[in-house]
Amino acid sequence: MNPFAMMKDAKNMEKMLKPALEKFMKESGFIKKDELEPLKRRIAELEAEVNKLKR
């Protein structure tokens, strides 16, 4: 067994699987933490505006 060939095969598998994994995660509702934080801030801002309008 050639360890260099194994590493090359592993990298090729990663290249093939990464897009499929990202598509699965996007379609199944998973979200990255760095994408979630700005959305949380925006929700808080909108809730504050709605509460202002209610008063």
Protein backbone atom coordinates (compact mmCIF):
# COMPACT_ATOMS: atom_id res chain seq x y z
CA MET A 1 0.00 0.00 0.00
CA ASN A 2 1.22 3.41 -0.92
CA PRO A 3 0.33 6.05 1.71
CA PHE A 4 0.60 8.84 -0.87
CA ALA A 5 -1.96 7.16 -3.09
CA MET A 6 -4.26 6.73 -0.10
CA MET A 7 -4.02 10.45 0.73
CA LYS A 8 -4.75 11.34 -2.90
CA ASP A 9 -7.81 9.07 -2.84
CA ALA A 10 -8.99 10.61 0.43
CA LYS A 11 -8.70 14.13 -1.01
CA ASN A 12 -10.63 13.09 -4.11
CA MET A 13 -13.37 11.57 -1.96
CA GLU A 14 -13.56 14.78 0.07
CA LYS A 15 -13.92 16.83 -3.13
CA MET A 16 -16.81 14.63 -4.23
CA LEU A 17 -18.58 14.44 -0.87
CA LYS A 18 -18.28 18.05 0.28
CA PRO A 19 -20.81 19.55 -2.18
CA ALA A 20 -23.26 16.73 -1.50
CA LEU A 21 -22.92 17.21 2.26
CA GLU A 22 -23.41 20.97 1.98
CA LYS A 23 -26.51 20.47 -0.17
CA PHE A 24 -27.93 17.96 2.31
CA MET A 25 -27.27 20.29 5.25
CA LYS A 26 -28.89 23.23 3.46
CA GLU A 27 -31.98 21.25 2.48
CA SER A 28 -32.41 19.60 5.87
CA GLY A 29 -32.43 22.87 7.83
CA PHE A 30 -28.93 22.89 9.29
CA ILE A 31 -27.31 26.32 9.43
CA LYS A 32 -23.79 27.50 10.17
CA LYS A 33 -23.30 29.44 13.40
CA ASP A 34 -21.72 32.42 11.64
CA GLU A 35 -24.82 32.68 9.44
CA LEU A 36 -27.15 32.46 12.43
CA GLU A 37 -25.76 35.33 14.54
CA PRO A 38 -26.62 38.17 12.10
CA LEU A 39 -30.12 36.74 11.73
CA LYS A 40 -30.60 36.71 15.50
CA ARG A 41 -29.52 40.35 15.71
CA ARG A 42 -31.92 41.30 12.92
CA ILE A 43 -34.79 39.51 14.66
CA ALA A 44 -34.06 41.41 17.87
CA GLU A 45 -34.06 44.71 15.95
CA LEU A 46 -37.37 43.91 14.26
CA GLU A 47 -38.95 42.85 17.56
CA ALA A 48 -37.87 46.16 19.11
CA GLU A 49 -39.46 48.08 16.21
CA VAL A 50 -42.70 46.09 16.52
CA ASN A 51 -42.83 46.75 20.26
CA LYS A 52 -42.35 50.48 19.61
CA LEU A 53 -45.25 50.51 17.17
CA LYS A 54 -47.54 48.66 19.58
CA ARG A 55 -47.21 51.39 22.23
